[in-house]
Amino acid sequence: MTSGTKYLLTSDDTGDVRAHVQEAVGLLSSDGDGERRVRLLGCALQAGLLTCLDHIGGTRARAGNADLTLLAPSGAEIGGYFVAD
């Protein structure tokens, strides 16, 4: 785990870590239709997500569904959110 990690973004399918995240902005707020747009800041991207970045703007840039896990300062998991593609 990288220094300052408050969240882990993991694959919904395999549980593989996609990113170590320092901040998640907009997690607890929604737009008018109930959807949330969350900005992940200070990300240390891992293999699967790095591959998606190679295809931004193309049809293969989809990262898929994921889980965003909130971590305690000790690194223990204390909560989580499902993140839709």
PDB file of N, CA and C in Angstrom:
ATOM      1  N   MET A   1       0.842  -1.172   0.000  1.00  0.00           N
ATOM      2  CA  MET A   1       0.000   0.000   0.000  1.00  0.00           C
ATOM      3  C   MET A   1       0.890   1.238   0.000  1.00  0.00           C
ATOM      4  N   THR A   2       0.485   2.264  -0.761  1.00  0.00           N
ATOM      5  CA  THR A   2       1.293   3.472  -0.840  1.00  0.00           C
ATOM      6  C   THR A   2       0.950   4.435   0.290  1.00  0.00           C
ATOM      7  N   SER A   3       1.859   5.324   0.623  1.00  0.00           N
ATOM      8  CA  SER A   3       1.677   6.299   1.690  1.00  0.00           C
ATOM      9  C   SER A   3       0.500   7.218   1.372  1.00  0.00           C
ATOM     10  N   GLY A   4      -0.338   7.490   2.363  1.00  0.00           N
ATOM     11  CA  GLY A   4      -1.480   8.382   2.181  1.00  0.00           C
ATOM     12  C   GLY A   4      -2.712   7.703   1.610  1.00  0.00           C
ATOM     13  N   THR A   5      -2.681   6.398   1.437  1.00  0.00           N
ATOM     14  CA  THR A   5      -3.827   5.688   0.879  1.00  0.00           C
ATOM     15  C   THR A   5      -4.985   5.684   1.868  1.00  0.00           C
ATOM     16  N   LYS A   6      -6.128   6.222   1.430  1.00  0.00           N
ATOM     17  CA  LYS A   6      -7.342   6.204   2.238  1.00  0.00           C
ATOM     18  C   LYS A   6      -8.367   5.229   1.664  1.00  0.00           C
ATOM     19  N   TYR A   7      -8.200   4.891   0.379  1.00  0.00           N
ATOM     20  CA  TYR A   7      -9.139   4.014  -0.314  1.00  0.00           C
ATOM     21  C   TYR A   7      -8.376   3.036  -1.206  1.00  0.00           C
ATOM     22  N   LEU A   8      -8.994   1.899  -1.455  1.00  0.00           N
ATOM     23  CA  LEU A   8      -8.508   0.970  -2.476  1.00  0.00           C
ATOM     24  C   LEU A   8      -9.617   0.807  -3.498  1.00  0.00           C
ATOM     25  N   LEU A   9      -9.282   0.877  -4.768  1.00  0.00           N
ATOM     26  CA  LEU A   9     -10.217   0.601  -5.852  1.00  0.00           C
ATOM     27  C   LEU A   9      -9.865  -0.784  -6.359  1.00  0.00           C
ATOM     28  N   THR A  10     -10.812  -1.723  -6.247  1.00  0.00           N
ATOM     29  CA  THR A  10     -10.555  -3.100  -6.650  1.00  0.00           C
ATOM     30  C   THR A  10     -11.569  -3.556  -7.682  1.00  0.00           C
ATOM     31  N   SER A  11     -11.181  -4.520  -8.481  1.00  0.00           N
ATOM     32  CA  SER A  11     -12.052  -5.093  -9.497  1.00  0.00           C
ATOM     33  C   SER A  11     -13.223  -5.794  -8.834  1.00  0.00           C
ATOM     34  N   ASP A  12     -14.425  -5.537  -9.334  1.00  0.00           N
ATOM     35  CA  ASP A  12     -15.619  -6.209  -8.829  1.00  0.00           C
ATOM     36  C   ASP A  12     -15.576  -7.694  -9.161  1.00  0.00           C
ATOM     37  N   ASP A  13     -14.951  -8.057 -10.271  1.00  0.00           N
ATOM     38  CA  ASP A  13     -14.895  -9.454 -10.720  1.00  0.00           C
ATOM     39  C   ASP A  13     -13.857 -10.279  -9.970  1.00  0.00           C
ATOM     40  N   THR A  14     -12.639  -9.771  -9.921  1.00  0.00           N
ATOM     41  CA  THR A  14     -11.522 -10.579  -9.423  1.00  0.00           C
ATOM     42  C   THR A  14     -10.990 -10.142  -8.060  1.00  0.00           C
ATOM     43  N   GLY A  15     -11.317  -8.919  -7.630  1.00  0.00           N
ATOM     44  CA  GLY A  15     -10.785  -8.393  -6.380  1.00  0.00           C
ATOM     45  C   GLY A  15      -9.385  -7.825  -6.513  1.00  0.00           C
ATOM     46  N   ASP A  16      -8.838  -7.838  -7.742  1.00  0.00           N
ATOM     47  CA  ASP A  16      -7.494  -7.284  -7.970  1.00  0.00           C
ATOM     48  C   ASP A  16      -7.495  -5.783  -7.705  1.00  0.00           C
ATOM     49  N   VAL A  17      -6.442  -5.280  -7.104  1.00  0.00           N
ATOM     50  CA  VAL A  17      -6.314  -3.847  -6.828  1.00  0.00           C
ATOM     51  C   VAL A  17      -6.072  -3.108  -8.137  1.00  0.00           C
ATOM     52  N   ARG A  18      -6.893  -2.085  -8.392  1.00  0.00           N
ATOM     53  CA  ARG A  18      -6.740  -1.235  -9.578  1.00  0.00           C
ATOM     54  C   ARG A  18      -6.039   0.067  -9.251  1.00  0.00           C
ATOM     55  N   ALA A  19      -6.225   0.566  -8.007  1.00  0.00           N
ATOM     56  CA  ALA A  19      -5.586   1.825  -7.627  1.00  0.00           C
ATOM     57  C   ALA A  19      -5.570   1.986  -6.112  1.00  0.00           C
ATOM     58  N   HIS A  20      -4.523   2.618  -5.640  1.00  0.00           N
ATOM     59  CA  HIS A  20      -4.441   3.113  -4.265  1.00  0.00           C
ATOM     60  C   HIS A  20      -4.825   4.582  -4.373  1.00  0.00           C
ATOM     61  N   VAL A  21      -5.787   5.031  -3.569  1.00  0.00           N
ATOM     62  CA  VAL A  21      -6.371   6.358  -3.737  1.00  0.00           C
ATOM     63  C   VAL A  21      -6.226   7.171  -2.448  1.00  0.00           C
ATOM     64  N   GLN A  22      -5.818   8.433  -2.609  1.00  0.00           N
ATOM     65  CA  GLN A  22      -5.664   9.300  -1.445  1.00  0.00           C
ATOM     66  C   GLN A  22      -6.946  10.044  -1.083  1.00  0.00           C
ATOM     67  N   GLU A  23      -7.779  10.365  -2.061  1.00  0.00           N
ATOM     68  CA  GLU A  23      -8.984  11.135  -1.773  1.00  0.00           C
ATOM     69  C   GLU A  23     -10.088  10.796  -2.766  1.00  0.00           C
ATOM     70  N   ALA A  24     -11.345  10.793  -2.297  1.00  0.00           N
ATOM     71  CA  ALA A  24     -12.517  10.562  -3.138  1.00  0.00           C
ATOM     72  C   ALA A  24     -13.468  11.738  -2.939  1.00  0.00           C
ATOM     73  N   VAL A  25     -13.573  12.602  -3.943  1.00  0.00           N
ATOM     74  CA  VAL A  25     -14.403  13.804  -3.870  1.00  0.00           C
ATOM     75  C   VAL A  25     -15.754  13.509  -4.505  1.00  0.00           C
ATOM     76  N   GLY A  26     -16.836  13.850  -3.799  1.00  0.00           N
ATOM     77  CA  GLY A  26     -18.183  13.656  -4.321  1.00  0.00           C
ATOM     78  C   GLY A  26     -18.807  12.336  -3.936  1.00  0.00           C
ATOM     79  N   LEU A  27     -18.153  11.583  -3.089  1.00  0.00           N
ATOM     80  CA  LEU A  27     -18.634  10.249  -2.718  1.00  0.00           C
ATOM     81  C   LEU A  27     -19.987  10.295  -2.019  1.00  0.00           C
ATOM     82  N   LEU A  28     -20.220  11.311  -1.214  1.00  0.00           N
ATOM     83  CA  LEU A  28     -21.447  11.384  -0.425  1.00  0.00           C
ATOM     84  C   LEU A  28     -22.475  12.360  -0.973  1.00  0.00           C
ATOM     85  N   SER A  29     -22.254  12.894  -2.164  1.00  0.00           N
ATOM     86  CA  SER A  29     -23.225  13.797  -2.779  1.00  0.00           C
ATOM     87  C   SER A  29     -23.666  13.216  -4.114  1.00  0.00           C
ATOM     88  N   SER A  30     -24.881  13.578  -4.537  1.00  0.00           N
ATOM     89  CA  SER A  30     -25.368  13.080  -5.824  1.00  0.00           C
ATOM     90  C   SER A  30     -25.933  14.233  -6.636  1.00  0.00           C
ATOM     91  N   ASP A  31     -26.021  14.008  -7.952  1.00  0.00           N
ATOM     92  CA  ASP A  31     -26.647  15.022  -8.789  1.00  0.00           C
ATOM     93  C   ASP A  31     -28.164  14.827  -8.693  1.00  0.00           C
ATOM     94  N   GLY A  32     -28.923  15.559  -9.443  1.00  0.00           N
ATOM     95  CA  GLY A  32     -30.374  15.541  -9.349  1.00  0.00           C
ATOM     96  C   GLY A  32     -31.041  14.209  -9.626  1.00  0.00           C
ATOM     97  N   ASP A  33     -30.404  13.313 -10.378  1.00  0.00           N
ATOM     98  CA  ASP A  33     -31.045  12.047 -10.727  1.00  0.00           C
ATOM     99  C   ASP A  33     -30.572  10.878  -9.851  1.00  0.00           C
ATOM    100  N   GLY A  34     -29.875  11.174  -8.752  1.00  0.00           N
ATOM    101  CA  GLY A  34     -29.453  10.137  -7.822  1.00  0.00           C
ATOM    102  C   GLY A  34     -28.116   9.482  -8.132  1.00  0.00           C
ATOM    103  N   GLU A  35     -27.511   9.862  -9.237  1.00  0.00           N
ATOM    104  CA  GLU A  35     -26.205   9.300  -9.572  1.00  0.00           C
ATOM    105  C   GLU A  35     -25.104  10.127  -8.927  1.00  0.00           C
ATOM    106  N   ARG A  36     -23.978   9.457  -8.691  1.00  0.00           N
ATOM    107  CA  ARG A  36     -22.816  10.150  -8.129  1.00  0.00           C
ATOM    108  C   ARG A  36     -21.693  10.168  -9.151  1.00  0.00           C
ATOM    109  N   ARG A  37     -21.010  11.260  -9.202  1.00  0.00           N
ATOM    110  CA  ARG A  37     -19.788  11.374 -10.003  1.00  0.00           C
ATOM    111  C   ARG A  37     -18.671  11.591  -8.992  1.00  0.00           C
ATOM    112  N   VAL A  38     -17.832  10.605  -8.837  1.00  0.00           N
ATOM    113  CA  VAL A  38     -16.779  10.643  -7.834  1.00  0.00           C
ATOM    114  C   VAL A  38     -15.442  10.846  -8.524  1.00  0.00           C
ATOM    115  N   ARG A  39     -14.672  11.813  -8.031  1.00  0.00           N
ATOM    116  CA  ARG A  39     -13.320  12.058  -8.543  1.00  0.00           C
ATOM    117  C   ARG A  39     -12.337  11.415  -7.582  1.00  0.00           C
ATOM    118  N   LEU A  40     -11.489  10.557  -8.110  1.00  0.00           N
ATOM    119  CA  LEU A  40     -10.469   9.903  -7.305  1.00  0.00           C
ATOM    120  C   LEU A  40      -9.156  10.656  -7.506  1.00  0.00           C
ATOM    121  N   LEU A  41      -8.606  11.182  -6.425  1.00  0.00           N
ATOM    122  CA  LEU A  41      -7.412  12.017  -6.485  1.00  0.00           C
ATOM    123  C   LEU A  41      -6.232  11.318  -5.823  1.00  0.00           C
ATOM    124  N   GLY A  42      -5.050  11.596  -6.321  1.00  0.00           N
ATOM    125  CA  GLY A  42      -3.844  11.012  -5.746  1.00  0.00           C
ATOM    126  C   GLY A  42      -3.802   9.513  -5.938  1.00  0.00           C
ATOM    127  N   CYS A  43      -4.063   9.062  -7.158  1.00  0.00           N
ATOM    128  CA  CYS A  43      -4.141   7.627  -7.450  1.00  0.00           C
ATOM    129  C   CYS A  43      -2.787   7.050  -7.853  1.00  0.00           C
ATOM    130  N   ALA A  44      -2.484   5.903  -7.293  1.00  0.00           N
ATOM    131  CA  ALA A  44      -1.357   5.089  -7.756  1.00  0.00           C
ATOM    132  C   ALA A  44      -1.994   3.925  -8.504  1.00  0.00           C
ATOM    133  N   LEU A  45      -2.053   4.044  -9.826  1.00  0.00           N
ATOM    134  CA  LEU A  45      -2.756   3.069 -10.656  1.00  0.00           C
ATOM    135  C   LEU A  45      -1.990   1.760 -10.736  1.00  0.00           C
ATOM    136  N   GLN A  46      -2.744   0.677 -10.830  1.00  0.00           N
ATOM    137  CA  GLN A  46      -2.175  -0.659 -10.954  1.00  0.00           C
ATOM    138  C   GLN A  46      -2.460  -1.204 -12.357  1.00  0.00           C
ATOM    139  N   ALA A  47      -1.944  -2.365 -12.663  1.00  0.00           N
ATOM    140  CA  ALA A  47      -1.905  -2.941 -14.016  1.00  0.00           C
ATOM    141  C   ALA A  47      -3.195  -2.844 -14.806  1.00  0.00           C
ATOM    142  N   GLY A  48      -4.318  -3.320 -14.289  1.00  0.00           N
ATOM    143  CA  GLY A  48      -5.557  -3.350 -15.056  1.00  0.00           C
ATOM    144  C   GLY A  48      -6.035  -1.975 -15.466  1.00  0.00           C
ATOM    145  N   LEU A  49      -5.949  -1.022 -14.568  1.00  0.00           N
ATOM    146  CA  LEU A  49      -6.391   0.329 -14.876  1.00  0.00           C
ATOM    147  C   LEU A  49      -5.401   1.040 -15.795  1.00  0.00           C
ATOM    148  N   LEU A  50      -4.126   0.748 -15.665  1.00  0.00           N
ATOM    149  CA  LEU A  50      -3.132   1.324 -16.569  1.00  0.00           C
ATOM    150  C   LEU A  50      -3.390   0.888 -18.008  1.00  0.00           C
ATOM    151  N   THR A  51      -3.804  -0.354 -18.190  1.00  0.00           N
ATOM    152  CA  THR A  51      -4.124  -0.859 -19.532  1.00  0.00           C
ATOM    153  C   THR A  51      -5.276  -0.076 -20.130  1.00  0.00           C
ATOM    154  N   CYS A  52      -6.296   0.248 -19.329  1.00  0.00           N
ATOM    155  CA  CYS A  52      -7.440   1.017 -19.818  1.00  0.00           C
ATOM    156  C   CYS A  52      -7.008   2.405 -20.282  1.00  0.00           C
ATOM    157  N   LEU A  53      -6.065   3.014 -19.569  1.00  0.00           N
ATOM    158  CA  LEU A  53      -5.612   4.353 -19.948  1.00  0.00           C
ATOM    159  C   LEU A  53      -4.969   4.377 -21.322  1.00  0.00           C
ATOM    160  N   ASP A  54      -4.380   3.272 -21.725  1.00  0.00           N
ATOM    161  CA  ASP A  54      -3.776   3.192 -23.051  1.00  0.00           C
ATOM    162  C   ASP A  54      -4.811   3.330 -24.157  1.00  0.00           C
ATOM    163  N   HIS A  55      -6.094   3.122 -23.821  1.00  0.00           N
ATOM    164  CA  HIS A  55      -7.155   3.100 -24.835  1.00  0.00           C
ATOM    165  C   HIS A  55      -8.180   4.222 -24.648  1.00  0.00           C
ATOM    166  N   ILE A  56      -7.848   5.255 -23.850  1.00  0.00           N
ATOM    167  CA  ILE A  56      -8.777   6.365 -23.640  1.00  0.00           C
ATOM    168  C   ILE A  56      -9.166   6.943 -25.000  1.00  0.00           C
ATOM    169  N   GLY A  57     -10.461   7.163 -25.166  1.00  0.00           N
ATOM    170  CA  GLY A  57     -10.965   7.706 -26.421  1.00  0.00           C
ATOM    171  C   GLY A  57     -11.337   6.621 -27.413  1.00  0.00           C
ATOM    172  N   GLY A  58     -10.961   5.391 -27.140  1.00  0.00           N
ATOM    173  CA  GLY A  58     -11.317   4.269 -27.998  1.00  0.00           C
ATOM    174  C   GLY A  58     -12.415   3.437 -27.353  1.00  0.00           C
ATOM    175  N   THR A  59     -12.803   2.396 -27.998  1.00  0.00           N
ATOM    176  CA  THR A  59     -13.890   1.577 -27.484  1.00  0.00           C
ATOM    177  C   THR A  59     -13.449   0.617 -26.376  1.00  0.00           C
ATOM    178  N   ARG A  60     -12.146   0.468 -26.155  1.00  0.00           N
ATOM    179  CA  ARG A  60     -11.679  -0.481 -25.146  1.00  0.00           C
ATOM    180  C   ARG A  60     -11.255   0.194 -23.846  1.00  0.00           C
ATOM    181  N   ALA A  61     -11.660   1.443 -23.602  1.00  0.00           N
ATOM    182  CA  ALA A  61     -11.210   2.182 -22.422  1.00  0.00           C
ATOM    183  C   ALA A  61     -12.064   1.931 -21.184  1.00  0.00           C
ATOM    184  N   ARG A  62     -13.022   1.033 -21.252  1.00  0.00           N
ATOM    185  CA  ARG A  62     -13.900   0.789 -20.119  1.00  0.00           C
ATOM    186  C   ARG A  62     -13.168   0.029 -19.021  1.00  0.00           C
ATOM    187  N   ALA A  63     -13.266   0.551 -17.814  1.00  0.00           N
ATOM    188  CA  ALA A  63     -12.583  -0.068 -16.677  1.00  0.00           C
ATOM    189  C   ALA A  63     -13.445  -1.122 -15.992  1.00  0.00           C
ATOM    190  N   GLY A  64     -14.754  -1.108 -16.230  1.00  0.00           N
ATOM    191  CA  GLY A  64     -15.638  -2.087 -15.608  1.00  0.00           C
ATOM    192  C   GLY A  64     -16.061  -1.673 -14.210  1.00  0.00           C
ATOM    193  N   ASN A  65     -16.869  -2.513 -13.588  1.00  0.00           N
ATOM    194  CA  ASN A  65     -17.345  -2.251 -12.238  1.00  0.00           C
ATOM    195  C   ASN A  65     -16.222  -2.448 -11.232  1.00  0.00           C
ATOM    196  N   ALA A  66     -16.347  -1.762 -10.099  1.00  0.00           N
ATOM    197  CA  ALA A  66     -15.294  -1.843  -9.092  1.00  0.00           C
ATOM    198  C   ALA A  66     -15.884  -1.648  -7.699  1.00  0.00           C
ATOM    199  N   ASP A  67     -15.077  -1.910  -6.715  1.00  0.00           N
ATOM    200  CA  ASP A  67     -15.406  -1.627  -5.323  1.00  0.00           C
ATOM    201  C   ASP A  67     -14.405  -0.614  -4.807  1.00  0.00           C
ATOM    202  N   LEU A  68     -14.902   0.409  -4.104  1.00  0.00           N
ATOM    203  CA  LEU A  68     -14.050   1.413  -3.479  1.00  0.00           C
ATOM    204  C   LEU A  68     -14.116   1.171  -1.980  1.00  0.00           C
ATOM    205  N   THR A  69     -13.001   0.748  -1.394  1.00  0.00           N
ATOM    206  CA  THR A  69     -12.954   0.386   0.020  1.00  0.00           C
ATOM    207  C   THR A  69     -12.297   1.503   0.829  1.00  0.00           C
ATOM    208  N   LEU A  70     -12.988   1.950   1.883  1.00  0.00           N
ATOM    209  CA  LEU A  70     -12.464   2.958   2.794  1.00  0.00           C
ATOM    210  C   LEU A  70     -11.552   2.279   3.806  1.00  0.00           C
ATOM    211  N   LEU A  71     -10.357   2.844   4.000  1.00  0.00           N
ATOM    212  CA  LEU A  71      -9.371   2.259   4.902  1.00  0.00           C
ATOM    213  C   LEU A  71      -9.163   3.132   6.134  1.00  0.00           C
ATOM    214  N   ALA A  72      -8.966   2.496   7.288  1.00  0.00           N
ATOM    215  CA  ALA A  72      -8.555   3.192   8.511  1.00  0.00           C
ATOM    216  C   ALA A  72      -7.084   3.552   8.373  1.00  0.00           C
ATOM    217  N   PRO A  73      -6.585   4.484   9.186  1.00  0.00           N
ATOM    218  CA  PRO A  73      -5.157   4.816   9.133  1.00  0.00           C
ATOM    219  C   PRO A  73      -4.245   3.594   9.301  1.00  0.00           C
ATOM    220  N   SER A  74      -4.731   2.569   9.980  1.00  0.00           N
ATOM    221  CA  SER A  74      -3.941   1.346  10.169  1.00  0.00           C
ATOM    222  C   SER A  74      -3.910   0.478   8.920  1.00  0.00           C
ATOM    223  N   GLY A  75      -4.785   0.792   7.930  1.00  0.00           N
ATOM    224  CA  GLY A  75      -4.887  -0.007   6.716  1.00  0.00           C
ATOM    225  C   GLY A  75      -6.036  -1.012   6.754  1.00  0.00           C
ATOM    226  N   ALA A  76      -6.717  -1.109   7.902  1.00  0.00           N
ATOM    227  CA  ALA A  76      -7.860  -2.021   8.019  1.00  0.00           C
ATOM    228  C   ALA A  76      -9.048  -1.494   7.208  1.00  0.00           C
ATOM    229  N   GLU A  77      -9.795  -2.398   6.594  1.00  0.00           N
ATOM    230  CA  GLU A  77     -10.982  -2.016   5.830  1.00  0.00           C
ATOM    231  C   GLU A  77     -12.102  -1.657   6.793  1.00  0.00           C
ATOM    232  N   ILE A  78     -12.732  -0.466   6.582  1.00  0.00           N
ATOM    233  CA  ILE A  78     -13.799  -0.054   7.473  1.00  0.00           C
ATOM    234  C   ILE A  78     -15.121   0.236   6.757  1.00  0.00           C
ATOM    235  N   GLY A  79     -15.159   0.111   5.458  1.00  0.00           N
ATOM    236  CA  GLY A  79     -16.385   0.339   4.702  1.00  0.00           C
ATOM    237  C   GLY A  79     -16.112   0.243   3.227  1.00  0.00           C
ATOM    238  N   GLY A  80     -17.177   0.266   2.436  1.00  0.00           N
ATOM    239  CA  GLY A  80     -16.973   0.183   1.006  1.00  0.00           C
ATOM    240  C   GLY A  80     -18.171   0.627   0.220  1.00  0.00           C
ATOM    241  N   TYR A  81     -17.935   0.913  -1.050  1.00  0.00           N
ATOM    242  CA  TYR A  81     -18.957   1.353  -1.991  1.00  0.00           C
ATOM    243  C   TYR A  81     -18.768   0.648  -3.315  1.00  0.00           C
ATOM    244  N   PHE A  82     -19.876   0.275  -3.952  1.00  0.00           N
ATOM    245  CA  PHE A  82     -19.836  -0.294  -5.292  1.00  0.00           C
ATOM    246  C   PHE A  82     -19.737   0.869  -6.285  1.00  0.00           C
ATOM    247  N   VAL A  83     -18.863   0.756  -7.268  1.00  0.00           N
ATOM    248  CA  VAL A  83     -18.670   1.772  -8.297  1.00  0.00           C
ATOM    249  C   VAL A  83     -19.040   1.169  -9.639  1.00  0.00           C
ATOM    250  N   ALA A  84     -20.100   1.674 -10.258  1.00  0.00           N
ATOM    251  CA  ALA A  84     -20.554   1.150 -11.546  1.00  0.00           C
ATOM    252  C   ALA A  84     -19.681   1.690 -12.663  1.00  0.00           C
ATOM    253  N   ASP A  85     -19.514   0.893 -13.696  1.00  0.00           N
ATOM    254  CA  ASP A  85     -18.746   1.233 -14.886  1.00  0.00           C
ATOM    255  C   ASP A  85     -19.168   2.573 -15.392  1.00  0.00           C
TER     256      ASP A  85
END
